[in-house]
């Protein structure tokens, strides 16, 4: 019976990893090609995809949460089981209930509702000498 050694297993792992990397690259190239075709067909812009000036795409809270959190344990996992998240009652606070339409917008279509930290496009424009009033959108 042939004896398997640590060194032999390491070589097999390296070979398999190289094959996996090659296959992954091929699959990624195919996905990118399909995406390029769809983008060209529909005329989708980088801004519509959430890219701005080559920056990383904006991710939704759901996408960030799915990437950061491990899968939840099945129910009945003992005394440390996770509780189910609270469900929304549909009621919102005054600020959230207020119109979420943009209060500030630039000529490139960037918009801000006026709450939270100012977006980079607005900070850049203000640093360049423009005023906040130049971006104010007239109420509907």
N, C-alpha and C. Protein backbone atom coordinates (compact mmCIF):
# COMPACT_ATOMS: atom_id res chain seq x y z
N UNK A 1 0.84 -1.17 0.00
CA UNK A 1 0.00 0.00 0.00
C UNK A 1 0.89 1.25 0.00
N UNK A 2 0.56 2.17 -0.89
CA UNK A 2 1.38 3.38 -1.02
C UNK A 2 1.16 4.27 0.19
N UNK A 3 2.22 4.85 0.65
CA UNK A 3 2.17 5.69 1.82
C UNK A 3 2.06 7.16 1.38
N UNK A 4 1.06 7.85 1.91
CA UNK A 4 0.87 9.26 1.60
C UNK A 4 1.68 10.08 2.60
N UNK A 5 2.45 11.00 2.04
CA UNK A 5 3.25 11.85 2.91
C UNK A 5 2.70 13.26 2.90
N UNK A 6 3.11 14.00 3.90
CA UNK A 6 2.70 15.40 4.00
C UNK A 6 3.12 16.17 2.75
N UNK A 7 4.33 15.95 2.31
CA UNK A 7 4.85 16.66 1.14
C UNK A 7 4.02 16.34 -0.11
N UNK A 8 3.65 15.07 -0.26
CA UNK A 8 2.86 14.67 -1.43
C UNK A 8 1.48 15.35 -1.39
N UNK A 9 0.88 15.40 -0.21
CA UNK A 9 -0.42 16.07 -0.08
C UNK A 9 -0.31 17.55 -0.38
N UNK A 10 0.77 18.19 0.07
CA UNK A 10 0.97 19.62 -0.22
C UNK A 10 1.08 19.86 -1.71
N UNK A 11 1.76 18.98 -2.44
CA UNK A 11 1.87 19.12 -3.90
C UNK A 11 0.49 18.97 -4.55
N UNK A 12 -0.30 18.00 -4.06
CA UNK A 12 -1.64 17.80 -4.60
C UNK A 12 -2.52 19.03 -4.34
N UNK A 13 -2.39 19.58 -3.14
CA UNK A 13 -3.16 20.79 -2.80
C UNK A 13 -2.76 21.94 -3.73
N UNK A 14 -1.48 22.12 -3.96
CA UNK A 14 -1.01 23.20 -4.84
C UNK A 14 -1.54 23.01 -6.25
N UNK A 15 -1.51 21.77 -6.73
CA UNK A 15 -2.01 21.48 -8.08
C UNK A 15 -3.50 21.77 -8.17
N UNK A 16 -4.25 21.30 -7.19
CA UNK A 16 -5.69 21.54 -7.19
C UNK A 16 -6.02 23.03 -7.06
N UNK A 17 -5.25 23.74 -6.25
CA UNK A 17 -5.48 25.18 -6.09
C UNK A 17 -5.23 25.91 -7.40
N UNK A 18 -4.19 25.51 -8.12
CA UNK A 18 -3.89 26.13 -9.42
C UNK A 18 -5.03 25.86 -10.40
N UNK A 19 -5.56 24.63 -10.39
CA UNK A 19 -6.68 24.30 -11.28
C UNK A 19 -7.92 25.11 -10.90
N UNK A 20 -8.17 25.23 -9.59
CA UNK A 20 -9.33 25.99 -9.12
C UNK A 20 -9.20 27.46 -9.51
N UNK A 21 -8.01 28.03 -9.35
CA UNK A 21 -7.79 29.43 -9.72
C UNK A 21 -8.02 29.66 -11.20
N UNK A 22 -7.53 28.74 -12.01
CA UNK A 22 -7.69 28.86 -13.47
C UNK A 22 -9.17 28.78 -13.85
N UNK A 23 -9.90 27.85 -13.25
CA UNK A 23 -11.32 27.69 -13.53
C UNK A 23 -12.11 28.91 -13.05
N UNK A 24 -11.77 29.42 -11.88
CA UNK A 24 -12.45 30.61 -11.37
C UNK A 24 -12.22 31.79 -12.29
N UNK A 25 -11.00 31.99 -12.74
CA UNK A 25 -10.69 33.10 -13.64
C UNK A 25 -11.52 33.00 -14.92
N UNK A 26 -11.63 31.77 -15.44
CA UNK A 26 -12.41 31.55 -16.66
C UNK A 26 -13.88 31.92 -16.42
N UNK A 27 -14.43 31.47 -15.29
CA UNK A 27 -15.82 31.78 -14.97
C UNK A 27 -16.03 33.27 -14.77
N UNK A 28 -15.11 33.93 -14.08
CA UNK A 28 -15.21 35.37 -13.86
C UNK A 28 -15.17 36.11 -15.20
N UNK A 29 -14.28 35.69 -16.10
CA UNK A 29 -14.19 36.33 -17.42
C UNK A 29 -15.51 36.19 -18.18
N UNK A 30 -16.15 35.02 -18.07
CA UNK A 30 -17.44 34.81 -18.74
C UNK A 30 -18.53 35.70 -18.14
N UNK A 31 -18.54 35.82 -16.82
CA UNK A 31 -19.52 36.67 -16.15
C UNK A 31 -19.31 38.13 -16.56
N UNK A 32 -18.07 38.58 -16.56
CA UNK A 32 -17.76 39.95 -16.95
C UNK A 32 -18.20 40.22 -18.38
N UNK A 33 -18.00 39.27 -19.26
CA UNK A 33 -18.41 39.45 -20.66
C UNK A 33 -19.93 39.58 -20.75
N UNK A 34 -20.66 38.74 -20.01
CA UNK A 34 -22.14 38.85 -20.02
C UNK A 34 -22.58 40.19 -19.45
N UNK A 35 -21.89 40.66 -18.42
CA UNK A 35 -22.24 41.95 -17.83
C UNK A 35 -21.97 43.09 -18.81
N UNK A 36 -20.85 43.03 -19.48
CA UNK A 36 -20.52 44.07 -20.47
C UNK A 36 -21.56 44.12 -21.58
N UNK A 37 -21.98 42.94 -22.02
CA UNK A 37 -22.99 42.87 -23.07
C UNK A 37 -24.29 43.51 -22.60
N UNK A 38 -24.72 43.18 -21.38
CA UNK A 38 -25.96 43.74 -20.84
C UNK A 38 -25.84 45.24 -20.63
N UNK A 39 -24.70 45.70 -20.13
CA UNK A 39 -24.49 47.13 -19.90
C UNK A 39 -24.56 47.89 -21.22
N UNK A 40 -23.91 47.35 -22.24
CA UNK A 40 -23.94 48.00 -23.55
C UNK A 40 -25.36 47.99 -24.13
N UNK A 41 -26.06 46.88 -24.00
CA UNK A 41 -27.41 46.75 -24.56
C UNK A 41 -28.36 47.74 -23.92
N UNK A 42 -28.33 47.85 -22.59
CA UNK A 42 -29.26 48.71 -21.87
C UNK A 42 -28.73 50.13 -21.68
N UNK A 43 -27.49 50.40 -22.03
CA UNK A 43 -26.92 51.74 -21.88
C UNK A 43 -26.78 52.14 -20.42
N UNK A 44 -26.43 51.21 -19.57
CA UNK A 44 -26.30 51.47 -18.14
C UNK A 44 -25.02 52.25 -17.89
N UNK A 45 -25.12 53.27 -17.03
CA UNK A 45 -23.95 54.09 -16.71
C UNK A 45 -23.31 53.61 -15.40
N UNK A 46 -22.07 54.01 -15.20
CA UNK A 46 -21.36 53.65 -13.96
C UNK A 46 -22.08 54.24 -12.76
N UNK A 47 -22.64 55.42 -12.92
CA UNK A 47 -23.34 56.07 -11.82
C UNK A 47 -24.59 55.27 -11.45
N UNK A 48 -25.30 54.73 -12.44
CA UNK A 48 -26.48 53.92 -12.16
C UNK A 48 -26.10 52.64 -11.41
N UNK A 49 -24.91 52.15 -11.61
CA UNK A 49 -24.43 50.96 -10.92
C UNK A 49 -23.89 51.27 -9.53
N UNK A 50 -23.82 52.55 -9.17
CA UNK A 50 -23.34 52.94 -7.86
C UNK A 50 -21.86 53.27 -7.84
N UNK A 51 -21.24 53.39 -9.00
CA UNK A 51 -19.84 53.77 -9.07
C UNK A 51 -19.77 55.28 -9.27
N UNK A 52 -18.76 55.92 -8.66
CA UNK A 52 -18.57 57.34 -8.90
C UNK A 52 -17.08 57.58 -9.02
N UNK A 53 -16.64 57.99 -10.15
CA UNK A 53 -15.24 58.30 -10.42
C UNK A 53 -14.31 57.14 -10.09
N UNK A 54 -14.70 55.94 -10.46
CA UNK A 54 -13.84 54.78 -10.28
C UNK A 54 -13.79 54.25 -8.86
N UNK A 55 -14.61 54.79 -7.97
CA UNK A 55 -14.61 54.31 -6.58
C UNK A 55 -15.33 52.97 -6.52
N UNK A 56 -15.21 52.31 -5.40
CA UNK A 56 -15.88 51.04 -5.21
C UNK A 56 -17.38 51.26 -5.25
N UNK A 57 -18.14 50.25 -5.66
CA UNK A 57 -19.58 50.41 -5.74
C UNK A 57 -20.20 50.55 -4.36
N UNK A 58 -21.30 51.31 -4.31
CA UNK A 58 -22.03 51.43 -3.06
C UNK A 58 -22.78 50.13 -2.85
N UNK A 59 -22.79 49.62 -1.63
CA UNK A 59 -23.47 48.38 -1.35
C UNK A 59 -24.64 48.66 -0.42
N UNK A 60 -25.71 47.93 -0.61
CA UNK A 60 -26.86 48.10 0.25
C UNK A 60 -26.56 47.53 1.62
N UNK A 61 -27.36 47.90 2.59
CA UNK A 61 -27.18 47.36 3.93
C UNK A 61 -27.32 45.85 3.91
N UNK A 62 -28.24 45.34 3.12
CA UNK A 62 -28.45 43.89 3.05
C UNK A 62 -27.20 43.19 2.52
N UNK A 63 -26.58 43.77 1.50
CA UNK A 63 -25.38 43.15 0.93
C UNK A 63 -24.22 43.22 1.91
N UNK A 64 -24.10 44.35 2.62
CA UNK A 64 -23.02 44.46 3.61
C UNK A 64 -23.24 43.47 4.73
N UNK A 65 -24.47 43.35 5.19
CA UNK A 65 -24.79 42.44 6.30
C UNK A 65 -24.57 40.99 5.92
N UNK A 66 -24.94 40.61 4.71
CA UNK A 66 -24.78 39.23 4.27
C UNK A 66 -23.32 38.86 4.19
N UNK A 67 -22.49 39.80 3.78
CA UNK A 67 -21.06 39.51 3.65
C UNK A 67 -20.36 39.47 5.00
N UNK A 68 -20.86 40.25 5.95
CA UNK A 68 -20.17 40.37 7.22
C UNK A 68 -20.62 39.35 8.26
N UNK A 69 -21.88 38.88 8.17
CA UNK A 69 -22.40 38.01 9.20
C UNK A 69 -22.37 36.56 8.75
N UNK A 70 -22.01 35.65 9.64
CA UNK A 70 -22.11 34.24 9.30
C UNK A 70 -23.57 33.84 9.27
N UNK A 71 -23.85 32.70 8.68
CA UNK A 71 -25.22 32.23 8.60
C UNK A 71 -25.77 32.00 9.99
N UNK A 72 -27.05 32.32 10.16
CA UNK A 72 -27.67 32.15 11.47
C UNK A 72 -27.82 30.67 11.79
N UNK A 73 -27.72 30.36 13.06
CA UNK A 73 -27.88 28.97 13.48
C UNK A 73 -29.34 28.58 13.35
N UNK A 74 -29.57 27.29 13.21
CA UNK A 74 -30.93 26.82 13.14
C UNK A 74 -31.60 27.02 14.48
N UNK A 75 -32.94 27.10 14.47
CA UNK A 75 -33.66 27.32 15.71
C UNK A 75 -33.46 26.13 16.63
N UNK A 76 -33.63 26.38 17.93
CA UNK A 76 -33.46 25.33 18.90
C UNK A 76 -32.00 25.04 19.19
N UNK A 77 -31.14 26.03 19.08
CA UNK A 77 -29.71 25.83 19.27
C UNK A 77 -29.31 26.01 20.72
N UNK A 78 -30.25 25.81 21.64
CA UNK A 78 -29.90 25.93 23.04
C UNK A 78 -30.19 27.31 23.58
N UNK A 79 -29.65 27.59 24.77
CA UNK A 79 -29.98 28.85 25.42
C UNK A 79 -29.35 30.06 24.75
N UNK A 80 -28.39 29.85 23.84
CA UNK A 80 -27.75 30.97 23.16
C UNK A 80 -28.30 31.17 21.75
N UNK A 81 -29.45 30.61 21.46
CA UNK A 81 -30.04 30.75 20.13
C UNK A 81 -30.37 32.21 19.87
N UNK A 82 -30.23 32.62 18.63
CA UNK A 82 -30.53 34.00 18.25
C UNK A 82 -32.02 34.23 18.25
N UNK A 83 -32.41 35.42 18.68
CA UNK A 83 -33.81 35.78 18.63
C UNK A 83 -34.11 36.29 17.23
N UNK A 84 -35.33 36.14 16.80
CA UNK A 84 -35.69 36.64 15.48
C UNK A 84 -35.68 38.16 15.52
N UNK A 85 -35.30 38.80 14.41
CA UNK A 85 -35.26 40.26 14.39
C UNK A 85 -36.67 40.84 14.51
N UNK A 86 -36.76 42.03 15.05
CA UNK A 86 -38.06 42.69 15.17
C UNK A 86 -38.61 43.00 13.80
N UNK A 87 -39.88 42.87 13.70
CA UNK A 87 -40.53 43.19 12.44
C UNK A 87 -41.07 44.61 12.52
N UNK A 88 -40.98 45.32 11.42
CA UNK A 88 -41.45 46.69 11.36
C UNK A 88 -42.96 46.73 11.46
N UNK A 89 -43.47 47.69 12.17
CA UNK A 89 -44.92 47.86 12.29
C UNK A 89 -45.43 48.80 11.20
N UNK A 90 -44.53 49.29 10.39
CA UNK A 90 -44.94 50.21 9.34
C UNK A 90 -44.94 51.66 9.79
N UNK A 91 -44.73 51.91 11.07
CA UNK A 91 -44.71 53.27 11.58
C UNK A 91 -43.30 53.82 11.45
N UNK A 92 -43.21 55.06 11.12
CA UNK A 92 -41.90 55.68 10.95
C UNK A 92 -41.86 56.96 11.78
N UNK A 93 -40.65 57.36 12.13
CA UNK A 93 -40.47 58.59 12.87
C UNK A 93 -40.76 59.80 12.00
N UNK A 94 -40.82 60.97 12.62
CA UNK A 94 -41.13 62.19 11.88
C UNK A 94 -40.15 62.43 10.74
N UNK A 95 -38.86 62.25 11.02
CA UNK A 95 -37.86 62.52 10.00
C UNK A 95 -37.98 61.55 8.84
N UNK A 96 -38.23 60.27 9.15
CA UNK A 96 -38.34 59.27 8.09
C UNK A 96 -39.64 59.45 7.32
N UNK A 97 -40.67 59.89 8.02
CA UNK A 97 -41.95 60.07 7.35
C UNK A 97 -41.94 61.27 6.43
N UNK A 98 -41.08 62.22 6.73
CA UNK A 98 -40.97 63.41 5.88
C UNK A 98 -40.48 62.99 4.50
N UNK A 99 -40.76 63.80 3.54
CA UNK A 99 -40.38 63.49 2.17
C UNK A 99 -38.89 63.18 2.06
N UNK A 100 -38.58 62.08 1.40
CA UNK A 100 -37.18 61.69 1.23
C UNK A 100 -36.66 62.11 -0.14
N UNK A 101 -37.32 63.07 -0.75
CA UNK A 101 -36.84 63.56 -2.03
C UNK A 101 -35.61 64.42 -1.81
N UNK A 102 -34.78 64.46 -2.80
CA UNK A 102 -33.52 65.19 -2.70
C UNK A 102 -33.77 66.68 -2.49
N UNK A 103 -33.01 67.25 -1.58
CA UNK A 103 -33.07 68.70 -1.36
C UNK A 103 -31.92 69.38 -2.09
N UNK A 104 -30.89 68.60 -2.40
CA UNK A 104 -29.73 69.15 -3.10
C UNK A 104 -29.38 68.22 -4.25
N UNK A 105 -29.07 68.81 -5.40
CA UNK A 105 -28.76 68.01 -6.59
C UNK A 105 -27.77 68.79 -7.45
N UNK A 106 -26.85 68.06 -8.10
CA UNK A 106 -25.92 68.73 -9.00
C UNK A 106 -26.27 68.40 -10.45
N UNK A 107 -25.52 68.99 -11.36
CA UNK A 107 -25.78 68.80 -12.79
C UNK A 107 -25.46 67.39 -13.28
N UNK A 108 -24.75 66.62 -12.48
CA UNK A 108 -24.41 65.24 -12.86
C UNK A 108 -25.43 64.23 -12.35
N UNK A 109 -26.46 64.71 -11.69
CA UNK A 109 -27.49 63.82 -11.18
C UNK A 109 -27.25 63.33 -9.76
N UNK A 110 -26.15 63.73 -9.13
CA UNK A 110 -25.90 63.36 -7.74
C UNK A 110 -26.92 64.08 -6.87
N UNK A 111 -27.42 63.39 -5.85
CA UNK A 111 -28.45 63.99 -5.01
C UNK A 111 -28.17 63.67 -3.54
N UNK A 112 -28.72 64.53 -2.68
CA UNK A 112 -28.59 64.36 -1.24
C UNK A 112 -29.87 64.87 -0.61
N UNK A 113 -30.45 64.13 0.35
CA UNK A 113 -31.70 64.54 0.98
C UNK A 113 -31.48 65.56 2.08
N UNK A 114 -30.23 65.82 2.45
CA UNK A 114 -29.94 66.84 3.44
C UNK A 114 -29.80 66.29 4.85
N UNK A 115 -29.79 64.98 4.99
CA UNK A 115 -29.64 64.37 6.31
C UNK A 115 -28.35 63.58 6.33
N UNK A 116 -27.71 63.54 7.49
CA UNK A 116 -26.48 62.77 7.63
C UNK A 116 -25.28 63.53 7.07
N UNK A 117 -24.19 62.82 6.94
CA UNK A 117 -22.94 63.41 6.47
C UNK A 117 -23.09 63.84 5.01
N UNK A 118 -22.53 64.98 4.69
CA UNK A 118 -22.58 65.46 3.31
C UNK A 118 -21.82 64.50 2.40
N UNK A 119 -22.37 64.20 1.22
CA UNK A 119 -21.68 63.29 0.31
C UNK A 119 -20.41 63.93 -0.26
N UNK A 120 -19.51 63.09 -0.72
CA UNK A 120 -18.22 63.56 -1.21
C UNK A 120 -18.36 64.54 -2.37
N UNK A 121 -19.29 64.28 -3.30
CA UNK A 121 -19.44 65.18 -4.45
C UNK A 121 -19.80 66.59 -3.99
N UNK A 122 -20.60 66.70 -2.91
CA UNK A 122 -21.00 68.00 -2.42
C UNK A 122 -19.84 68.65 -1.66
N UNK A 123 -19.14 67.89 -0.85
CA UNK A 123 -17.98 68.43 -0.13
C UNK A 123 -16.92 68.95 -1.11
N UNK A 124 -16.71 68.19 -2.20
CA UNK A 124 -15.73 68.63 -3.20
C UNK A 124 -16.15 69.94 -3.85
N UNK A 125 -17.44 70.05 -4.18
CA UNK A 125 -17.94 71.26 -4.83
C UNK A 125 -17.85 72.46 -3.88
N UNK A 126 -18.18 72.26 -2.62
CA UNK A 126 -18.09 73.35 -1.65
C UNK A 126 -16.64 73.78 -1.44
N UNK A 127 -15.73 72.81 -1.44
CA UNK A 127 -14.30 73.12 -1.29
C UNK A 127 -13.79 73.89 -2.51
N UNK A 128 -14.43 73.68 -3.66
CA UNK A 128 -14.02 74.37 -4.88
C UNK A 128 -14.60 75.77 -4.98
N UNK A 129 -15.37 76.18 -3.95
CA UNK A 129 -15.86 77.56 -3.94
C UNK A 129 -17.34 77.71 -4.22
N UNK A 130 -18.04 76.65 -4.51
CA UNK A 130 -19.48 76.75 -4.76
C UNK A 130 -20.21 76.83 -3.43
N UNK A 131 -21.47 77.28 -3.47
CA UNK A 131 -22.25 77.41 -2.24
C UNK A 131 -23.34 76.35 -2.20
N UNK A 132 -23.80 76.06 -1.00
CA UNK A 132 -24.84 75.05 -0.81
C UNK A 132 -26.13 75.46 -1.53
N UNK A 133 -26.42 76.75 -1.55
CA UNK A 133 -27.64 77.23 -2.20
C UNK A 133 -27.66 76.95 -3.71
N UNK A 134 -26.50 76.84 -4.33
CA UNK A 134 -26.44 76.53 -5.76
C UNK A 134 -27.01 75.15 -6.06
N UNK A 135 -27.01 74.26 -5.07
CA UNK A 135 -27.45 72.88 -5.28
C UNK A 135 -28.86 72.63 -4.76
N UNK A 136 -29.45 73.64 -4.11
CA UNK A 136 -30.77 73.45 -3.49
C UNK A 136 -31.82 73.23 -4.58
N UNK A 137 -32.67 72.23 -4.34
CA UNK A 137 -33.76 71.91 -5.27
C UNK A 137 -35.01 72.62 -4.77
N UNK A 138 -35.74 73.23 -5.69
CA UNK A 138 -36.98 73.93 -5.31
C UNK A 138 -38.00 72.89 -4.84
N UNK A 139 -38.74 73.18 -3.76
CA UNK A 139 -39.75 72.22 -3.28
C UNK A 139 -40.82 71.98 -4.32
N UNK A 140 -41.31 70.74 -4.35
CA UNK A 140 -42.30 70.37 -5.38
C UNK A 140 -43.66 70.93 -5.07
